[in-house]
Amino acid sequence: MEFIYQESELRNVAKQIIEHTSSKSLAFYAPMGAGKTTLIKTLIKELGSTDNVSSPTFGLVNEYALESGELLGYHFDFYRLEDEEEAMDMGLDDYLDSGVWVFMEWPEKIPSLLPKEVQNITIEILDETTRKLILSQ
């Protein structure tokens, strides 16, 4: 599945991803500045969280909940990882096995740790305001 969109269309793109994803584990492949965090923020809002969403670059993982307090999911940013061992040391397996949504930025840093059922999302920068998103296995 493929979308060409601008930021004003993100809510619709997020709805389409939620409707068509085959997994709750989403891996976002995109260059710096392509809008990974912005898209994840929109996905988290569409899934029902009112939490303030930001990139977990320094903490590596953020946790988000629904208004009821129920856990919605985890948001990882693996950009600063030196190796996969760091992800294992933080208990990545437990997060992936939690049964909740898992949003992963820079998954190329942990290729052998990604679950088999991960949904890959690739974002390409077409121009300053336009992106192309590909939803694939």
C-alpha atoms as a PDB file:
ATOM      1  CA  MET A   1       0.000   0.000   0.000  1.00  0.00           C
ATOM      2  CA  GLU A   2       1.309   3.421  -0.922  1.00  0.00           C
ATOM      3  CA  PHE A   3       0.366   7.006  -0.039  1.00  0.00           C
ATOM      4  CA  ILE A   4       1.608  10.349  -1.280  1.00  0.00           C
ATOM      5  CA  TYR A   5       0.682  13.008   1.256  1.00  0.00           C
ATOM      6  CA  GLN A   6       1.350  16.344   2.885  1.00  0.00           C
ATOM      7  CA  GLU A   7       1.295  17.075   6.614  1.00  0.00           C
ATOM      8  CA  SER A   8      -2.314  18.287   6.469  1.00  0.00           C
ATOM      9  CA  GLU A   9      -3.315  14.760   5.353  1.00  0.00           C
ATOM     10  CA  LEU A  10      -1.535  12.900   8.162  1.00  0.00           C
ATOM     11  CA  ARG A  11      -4.687  12.086  10.095  1.00  0.00           C
ATOM     12  CA  ASN A  12      -6.141  10.226   7.108  1.00  0.00           C
ATOM     13  CA  VAL A  13      -2.810   8.446   6.476  1.00  0.00           C
ATOM     14  CA  ALA A  14      -2.700   7.375  10.134  1.00  0.00           C
ATOM     15  CA  LYS A  15      -6.251   6.007   9.911  1.00  0.00           C
ATOM     16  CA  GLN A  16      -5.309   4.022   6.790  1.00  0.00           C
ATOM     17  CA  ILE A  17      -2.206   2.582   8.478  1.00  0.00           C
ATOM     18  CA  ILE A  18      -4.227   1.517  11.531  1.00  0.00           C
ATOM     19  CA  GLU A  19      -6.879  -0.048   9.309  1.00  0.00           C
ATOM     20  CA  HIS A  20      -4.445  -1.912   7.041  1.00  0.00           C
ATOM     21  CA  THR A  21      -1.550  -2.862   9.275  1.00  0.00           C
ATOM     22  CA  SER A  22      -0.944  -6.549   9.814  1.00  0.00           C
ATOM     23  CA  SER A  23       0.864  -6.035  13.111  1.00  0.00           C
ATOM     24  CA  LYS A  24       0.995  -3.800  16.175  1.00  0.00           C
ATOM     25  CA  SER A  25       4.798  -3.669  15.783  1.00  0.00           C
ATOM     26  CA  LEU A  26       5.588  -0.888  13.318  1.00  0.00           C
ATOM     27  CA  ALA A  27       9.098  -0.201  11.988  1.00  0.00           C
ATOM     28  CA  PHE A  28       9.614   3.252  10.443  1.00  0.00           C
ATOM     29  CA  TYR A  29      12.358   3.555   7.828  1.00  0.00           C
ATOM     30  CA  ALA A  30      13.062   7.113   6.716  1.00  0.00           C
ATOM     31  CA  PRO A  31      15.832   9.683   6.562  1.00  0.00           C
ATOM     32  CA  MET A  32      16.243  12.347   9.224  1.00  0.00           C
ATOM     33  CA  GLY A  33      13.559  15.014   8.866  1.00  0.00           C
ATOM     34  CA  ALA A  34      11.110  12.853   6.900  1.00  0.00           C
ATOM     35  CA  GLY A  35       8.423  13.042   9.567  1.00  0.00           C
ATOM     36  CA  LYS A  36       8.657   9.733  11.438  1.00  0.00           C
ATOM     37  CA  THR A  37       7.929  11.248  14.850  1.00  0.00           C
ATOM     38  CA  THR A  38       5.156  13.455  13.449  1.00  0.00           C
ATOM     39  CA  LEU A  39       3.465  10.418  11.905  1.00  0.00           C
ATOM     40  CA  ILE A  40       3.860   8.374  15.102  1.00  0.00           C
ATOM     41  CA  LYS A  41       2.383  11.272  17.093  1.00  0.00           C
ATOM     42  CA  THR A  42      -0.651  11.243  14.781  1.00  0.00           C
ATOM     43  CA  LEU A  43      -0.988   7.443  15.038  1.00  0.00           C
ATOM     44  CA  ILE A  44      -0.894   7.568  18.832  1.00  0.00           C
ATOM     45  CA  LYS A  45      -3.581  10.285  18.873  1.00  0.00           C
ATOM     46  CA  GLU A  46      -5.758   8.325  16.406  1.00  0.00           C
ATOM     47  CA  LEU A  47      -5.450   5.249  18.637  1.00  0.00           C
ATOM     48  CA  GLY A  48      -6.927   7.238  21.517  1.00  0.00           C
ATOM     49  CA  SER A  49      -4.093   8.634  23.614  1.00  0.00           C
ATOM     50  CA  THR A  50      -4.056  12.224  24.832  1.00  0.00           C
ATOM     51  CA  ASP A  51      -0.442  11.935  26.031  1.00  0.00           C
ATOM     52  CA  ASN A  52       2.103  14.474  24.849  1.00  0.00           C
ATOM     53  CA  VAL A  53       4.067  12.609  22.169  1.00  0.00           C
ATOM     54  CA  SER A  54       7.728  13.402  21.558  1.00  0.00           C
ATOM     55  CA  SER A  55      10.729  11.601  20.158  1.00  0.00           C
ATOM     56  CA  PRO A  56      12.413   9.323  22.700  1.00  0.00           C
ATOM     57  CA  THR A  57      15.854  10.059  21.233  1.00  0.00           C
ATOM     58  CA  PHE A  58      17.596  10.450  24.582  1.00  0.00           C
ATOM     59  CA  GLY A  59      15.528   8.082  26.705  1.00  0.00           C
ATOM     60  CA  LEU A  60      15.242   5.536  23.863  1.00  0.00           C
ATOM     61  CA  VAL A  61      11.642   4.651  24.766  1.00  0.00           C
ATOM     62  CA  ASN A  62       8.457   6.523  25.661  1.00  0.00           C
ATOM     63  CA  GLU A  63       5.312   4.898  26.999  1.00  0.00           C
ATOM     64  CA  TYR A  64       1.809   6.062  26.043  1.00  0.00           C
ATOM     65  CA  ALA A  65      -1.554   5.316  27.614  1.00  0.00           C
ATOM     66  CA  LEU A  66      -5.210   5.693  26.752  1.00  0.00           C
ATOM     67  CA  GLU A  67      -7.349   8.187  28.690  1.00  0.00           C
ATOM     68  CA  SER A  68      -8.525   5.271  30.836  1.00  0.00           C
ATOM     69  CA  GLY A  69      -4.934   4.721  31.941  1.00  0.00           C
ATOM     70  CA  GLU A  70      -4.642   1.466  29.993  1.00  0.00           C
ATOM     71  CA  LEU A  71      -1.274   1.043  28.258  1.00  0.00           C
ATOM     72  CA  LEU A  72      -1.475   1.916  24.546  1.00  0.00           C
ATOM     73  CA  GLY A  73       2.089   1.262  23.506  1.00  0.00           C
ATOM     74  CA  TYR A  74       5.776   2.085  23.329  1.00  0.00           C
ATOM     75  CA  HIS A  75       7.712   4.422  21.051  1.00  0.00           C
ATOM     76  CA  PHE A  76      11.394   3.654  20.441  1.00  0.00           C
ATOM     77  CA  ASP A  77      14.084   5.730  18.775  1.00  0.00           C
ATOM     78  CA  PHE A  78      17.140   3.547  18.127  1.00  0.00           C
ATOM     79  CA  TYR A  79      19.155   6.286  16.397  1.00  0.00           C
ATOM     80  CA  ARG A  80      21.740   6.581  19.180  1.00  0.00           C
ATOM     81  CA  LEU A  81      22.299   2.840  19.676  1.00  0.00           C
ATOM     82  CA  GLU A  82      25.838   1.637  19.090  1.00  0.00           C
ATOM     83  CA  ASP A  83      24.813  -2.000  18.676  1.00  0.00           C
ATOM     84  CA  GLU A  84      21.895  -4.405  19.087  1.00  0.00           C
ATOM     85  CA  GLU A  85      23.171  -5.479  22.500  1.00  0.00           C
ATOM     86  CA  GLU A  86      22.026  -2.134  23.929  1.00  0.00           C
ATOM     87  CA  ALA A  87      18.462  -2.866  22.808  1.00  0.00           C
ATOM     88  CA  MET A  88      18.633  -6.324  24.380  1.00  0.00           C
ATOM     89  CA  ASP A  89      19.973  -4.838  27.627  1.00  0.00           C
ATOM     90  CA  MET A  90      16.959  -2.521  27.881  1.00  0.00           C
ATOM     91  CA  GLY A  91      14.595  -5.488  27.603  1.00  0.00           C
ATOM     92  CA  LEU A  92      13.386  -4.996  24.032  1.00  0.00           C
ATOM     93  CA  ASP A  93      12.019  -8.553  23.926  1.00  0.00           C
ATOM     94  CA  ASP A  94       9.660  -7.790  26.807  1.00  0.00           C
ATOM     95  CA  TYR A  95       8.361  -4.670  25.066  1.00  0.00           C
ATOM     96  CA  LEU A  96       7.832  -6.561  21.800  1.00  0.00           C
ATOM     97  CA  ASP A  97       6.020  -9.380  23.605  1.00  0.00           C
ATOM     98  CA  SER A  98       3.733  -7.011  25.546  1.00  0.00           C
ATOM     99  CA  GLY A  99       0.856  -7.242  23.052  1.00  0.00           C
ATOM    100  CA  VAL A 100       0.531  -3.454  22.773  1.00  0.00           C
ATOM    101  CA  TRP A 101       1.510  -1.095  19.959  1.00  0.00           C
ATOM    102  CA  VAL A 102       5.259  -0.722  19.382  1.00  0.00           C
ATOM    103  CA  PHE A 103       6.482   2.155  17.192  1.00  0.00           C
ATOM    104  CA  MET A 104      10.166   1.911  16.202  1.00  0.00           C
ATOM    105  CA  GLU A 105      12.220   4.678  14.635  1.00  0.00           C
ATOM    106  CA  TRP A 106      15.578   3.692  13.098  1.00  0.00           C
ATOM    107  CA  PRO A 107      14.845  -0.079  13.122  1.00  0.00           C
ATOM    108  CA  GLU A 108      17.813  -0.590  10.786  1.00  0.00           C
ATOM    109  CA  LYS A 109      19.942  -0.320  13.957  1.00  0.00           C
ATOM    110  CA  ILE A 110      18.445  -3.596  15.284  1.00  0.00           C
ATOM    111  CA  PRO A 111      17.784  -5.781  12.192  1.00  0.00           C
ATOM    112  CA  SER A 112      18.166  -9.185  13.852  1.00  0.00           C
ATOM    113  CA  LEU A 113      15.916  -8.194  16.787  1.00  0.00           C
ATOM    114  CA  LEU A 114      12.851  -7.178  14.783  1.00  0.00           C
ATOM    115  CA  PRO A 115       9.900  -9.544  15.173  1.00  0.00           C
ATOM    116  CA  LYS A 116       8.860 -11.648  12.178  1.00  0.00           C
ATOM    117  CA  GLU A 117       5.400 -10.057  12.132  1.00  0.00           C
ATOM    118  CA  VAL A 118       6.682  -6.463  12.021  1.00  0.00           C
ATOM    119  CA  GLN A 119       4.900  -4.023   9.697  1.00  0.00           C
ATOM    120  CA  ASN A 120       7.451  -1.990   7.728  1.00  0.00           C
ATOM    121  CA  ILE A 121       6.699   1.632   6.920  1.00  0.00           C
ATOM    122  CA  THR A 122       9.037   3.484   4.591  1.00  0.00           C
ATOM    123  CA  ILE A 123       8.798   7.252   4.175  1.00  0.00           C
ATOM    124  CA  GLU A 124      10.493   9.021   1.284  1.00  0.00           C
ATOM    125  CA  ILE A 125      10.905  12.780   0.997  1.00  0.00           C
ATOM    126  CA  LEU A 126       9.526  13.824  -2.397  1.00  0.00           C
ATOM    127  CA  ASP A 127       9.915  17.562  -1.807  1.00  0.00           C
ATOM    128  CA  GLU A 128       9.842  20.034   1.061  1.00  0.00           C
ATOM    129  CA  THR A 129       6.178  19.381   1.863  1.00  0.00           C
ATOM    130  CA  THR A 130       5.357  16.045   0.222  1.00  0.00           C
ATOM    131  CA  ARG A 131       6.097  12.530   1.415  1.00  0.00           C
ATOM    132  CA  LYS A 132       5.610   9.060  -0.019  1.00  0.00           C
ATOM    133  CA  LEU A 133       4.759   6.279   2.421  1.00  0.00           C
ATOM    134  CA  ILE A 134       4.963   2.585   1.623  1.00  0.00           C
ATOM    135  CA  LEU A 135       3.326   0.050   3.918  1.00  0.00           C
ATOM    136  CA  SER A 136       4.951  -3.364   3.380  1.00  0.00           C
ATOM    137  CA  GLN A 137       5.882  -6.589   5.184  1.00  0.00           C
END
